[in-house]
Amino acid sequence: MTTWIQARSTEDEDLWTYLEIGDEGWATRHVDLQGTARTPVTAAALAEVLALRDSADRAAMSAYEQLYGLLAEGCLSRCCLSGLDGCVSAGQA
């Protein structure tokens, strides 16, 4: 089952962050939407990042990061997912 976390940054920035959390607690997808038009500014996926890391050069990785942004790093434990402070919602899809 996939868990999604949605959080909003400060009103000045008007940035919504969505994290897809895999079964092991790692972010597998990271999407940031900004402004009233919800323009995507980050849309990185762990599988793509790992594939580039394992089979491409630094220039390809840099090009990916410039186009899609950086994937959120870190692992969330299950107990952390059940009690996130500051998150708008944490749900299961």
C-alpha atoms as a PDB file:
ATOM      1  CA  MET A   1       0.000   0.000   0.000  1.00  0.00           C
ATOM      2  CA  THR A   2       1.331   3.442  -0.928  1.00  0.00           C
ATOM      3  CA  THR A   3       1.354   6.269   1.604  1.00  0.00           C
ATOM      4  CA  TRP A   4       1.209   9.897   0.468  1.00  0.00           C
ATOM      5  CA  ILE A   5       2.111  12.875   2.627  1.00  0.00           C
ATOM      6  CA  GLN A   6       0.959  16.381   1.733  1.00  0.00           C
ATOM      7  CA  ALA A   7       2.466  19.459   3.392  1.00  0.00           C
ATOM      8  CA  ARG A   8       2.311  23.184   2.747  1.00  0.00           C
ATOM      9  CA  SER A   9       5.204  25.558   3.235  1.00  0.00           C
ATOM     10  CA  THR A  10       4.782  29.163   4.329  1.00  0.00           C
ATOM     11  CA  GLU A  11       2.052  31.236   2.710  1.00  0.00           C
ATOM     12  CA  ASP A  12       4.744  33.524   1.259  1.00  0.00           C
ATOM     13  CA  GLU A  13       6.166  30.659  -0.764  1.00  0.00           C
ATOM     14  CA  ASP A  14       2.786  29.005  -1.500  1.00  0.00           C
ATOM     15  CA  LEU A  15       4.434  25.629  -2.057  1.00  0.00           C
ATOM     16  CA  TRP A  16       2.658  22.289  -1.657  1.00  0.00           C
ATOM     17  CA  THR A  17       4.855  19.217  -1.246  1.00  0.00           C
ATOM     18  CA  TYR A  18       3.657  15.676  -1.890  1.00  0.00           C
ATOM     19  CA  LEU A  19       5.776  12.678  -0.896  1.00  0.00           C
ATOM     20  CA  GLU A  20       5.008   9.111  -1.885  1.00  0.00           C
ATOM     21  CA  ILE A  21       6.415   6.842   0.824  1.00  0.00           C
ATOM     22  CA  GLY A  22       7.297   3.245  -0.066  1.00  0.00           C
ATOM     23  CA  ASP A  23       6.858   0.173   2.123  1.00  0.00           C
ATOM     24  CA  GLU A  24      10.316   0.624   3.670  1.00  0.00           C
ATOM     25  CA  GLY A  25       9.636   4.236   4.682  1.00  0.00           C
ATOM     26  CA  TRP A  26      11.679   5.980   1.971  1.00  0.00           C
ATOM     27  CA  ALA A  27      10.370   8.696  -0.331  1.00  0.00           C
ATOM     28  CA  THR A  28       9.835   7.082  -3.742  1.00  0.00           C
ATOM     29  CA  ARG A  29       8.374  10.179  -5.397  1.00  0.00           C
ATOM     30  CA  HIS A  30       8.625  13.887  -4.509  1.00  0.00           C
ATOM     31  CA  VAL A  31       6.406  16.514  -6.138  1.00  0.00           C
ATOM     32  CA  ASP A  32       6.338  20.249  -5.339  1.00  0.00           C
ATOM     33  CA  LEU A  33       3.583  22.481  -6.722  1.00  0.00           C
ATOM     34  CA  GLN A  34       3.898  26.262  -6.421  1.00  0.00           C
ATOM     35  CA  GLY A  35       1.514  29.188  -6.676  1.00  0.00           C
ATOM     36  CA  THR A  36      -2.194  29.399  -7.349  1.00  0.00           C
ATOM     37  CA  ALA A  37      -1.691  27.666 -10.705  1.00  0.00           C
ATOM     38  CA  ARG A  38       0.058  24.794  -8.852  1.00  0.00           C
ATOM     39  CA  THR A  39       3.010  24.866 -11.234  1.00  0.00           C
ATOM     40  CA  PRO A  40       5.245  21.792 -10.791  1.00  0.00           C
ATOM     41  CA  VAL A  41       8.723  22.781  -9.611  1.00  0.00           C
ATOM     42  CA  THR A  42       9.892  19.341  -8.455  1.00  0.00           C
ATOM     43  CA  ALA A  43       8.841  15.938  -9.783  1.00  0.00           C
ATOM     44  CA  ALA A  44      11.562  13.419  -8.940  1.00  0.00           C
ATOM     45  CA  ALA A  45      11.211   9.638  -8.648  1.00  0.00           C
ATOM     46  CA  LEU A  46      13.526   7.311  -6.723  1.00  0.00           C
ATOM     47  CA  ALA A  47      13.589   4.650  -9.468  1.00  0.00           C
ATOM     48  CA  GLU A  48      14.759   7.220 -12.034  1.00  0.00           C
ATOM     49  CA  VAL A  49      17.381   8.653  -9.688  1.00  0.00           C
ATOM     50  CA  LEU A  50      18.780   5.202  -8.904  1.00  0.00           C
ATOM     51  CA  ALA A  51      18.841   4.195 -12.583  1.00  0.00           C
ATOM     52  CA  LEU A  52      20.783   7.341 -13.475  1.00  0.00           C
ATOM     53  CA  ARG A  53      23.146   6.882 -10.551  1.00  0.00           C
ATOM     54  CA  ASP A  54      23.906   3.302 -11.580  1.00  0.00           C
ATOM     55  CA  SER A  55      24.149   3.685 -15.347  1.00  0.00           C
ATOM     56  CA  ALA A  56      24.813   7.298 -16.314  1.00  0.00           C
ATOM     57  CA  ASP A  57      27.451   9.926 -15.792  1.00  0.00           C
ATOM     58  CA  ARG A  58      27.385  13.003 -13.556  1.00  0.00           C
ATOM     59  CA  ALA A  59      26.247  15.229 -16.414  1.00  0.00           C
ATOM     60  CA  ALA A  60      23.120  13.094 -16.914  1.00  0.00           C
ATOM     61  CA  MET A  61      22.386  13.173 -13.184  1.00  0.00           C
ATOM     62  CA  SER A  62      22.869  16.937 -13.090  1.00  0.00           C
ATOM     63  CA  ALA A  63      20.551  17.386 -16.098  1.00  0.00           C
ATOM     64  CA  TYR A  64      17.873  15.267 -14.358  1.00  0.00           C
ATOM     65  CA  GLU A  65      18.141  17.317 -11.155  1.00  0.00           C
ATOM     66  CA  GLN A  66      17.909  20.597 -13.084  1.00  0.00           C
ATOM     67  CA  LEU A  67      14.794  19.408 -14.928  1.00  0.00           C
ATOM     68  CA  TYR A  68      12.959  17.519 -12.157  1.00  0.00           C
ATOM     69  CA  GLY A  69      14.544  18.770  -8.918  1.00  0.00           C
ATOM     70  CA  LEU A  70      16.043  16.792  -6.062  1.00  0.00           C
ATOM     71  CA  LEU A  71      14.355  13.807  -4.471  1.00  0.00           C
ATOM     72  CA  ALA A  72      13.679  14.200  -0.745  1.00  0.00           C
ATOM     73  CA  GLU A  73      16.118  12.158   1.318  1.00  0.00           C
ATOM     74  CA  GLY A  74      15.584  10.265   4.520  1.00  0.00           C
ATOM     75  CA  CYS A  75      13.496   7.461   5.894  1.00  0.00           C
ATOM     76  CA  LEU A  76      10.237   7.856   7.804  1.00  0.00           C
ATOM     77  CA  SER A  77       9.359   5.192  10.311  1.00  0.00           C
ATOM     78  CA  ARG A  78       5.820   3.831  10.524  1.00  0.00           C
ATOM     79  CA  CYS A  79       5.314   5.449  13.951  1.00  0.00           C
ATOM     80  CA  CYS A  80       6.457   8.756  12.472  1.00  0.00           C
ATOM     81  CA  LEU A  81       3.965   8.428   9.616  1.00  0.00           C
ATOM     82  CA  SER A  82       1.077   7.979  12.039  1.00  0.00           C
ATOM     83  CA  GLY A  83       1.752  11.198  13.943  1.00  0.00           C
ATOM     84  CA  LEU A  84       3.224  13.850  11.654  1.00  0.00           C
ATOM     85  CA  ASP A  85       3.069  17.356  13.069  1.00  0.00           C
ATOM     86  CA  GLY A  86       2.685  20.171  10.562  1.00  0.00           C
ATOM     87  CA  CYS A  87       1.338  17.995   7.768  1.00  0.00           C
ATOM     88  CA  VAL A  88      -1.950  18.872   6.174  1.00  0.00           C
ATOM     89  CA  SER A  89      -2.778  15.234   5.595  1.00  0.00           C
ATOM     90  CA  ALA A  90      -1.194  11.828   5.575  1.00  0.00           C
ATOM     91  CA  GLY A  91      -3.191   9.195   3.798  1.00  0.00           C
ATOM     92  CA  GLN A  92      -2.989   5.813   2.213  1.00  0.00           C
ATOM     93  CA  ALA A  93      -3.834   5.183  -1.430  1.00  0.00           C
END
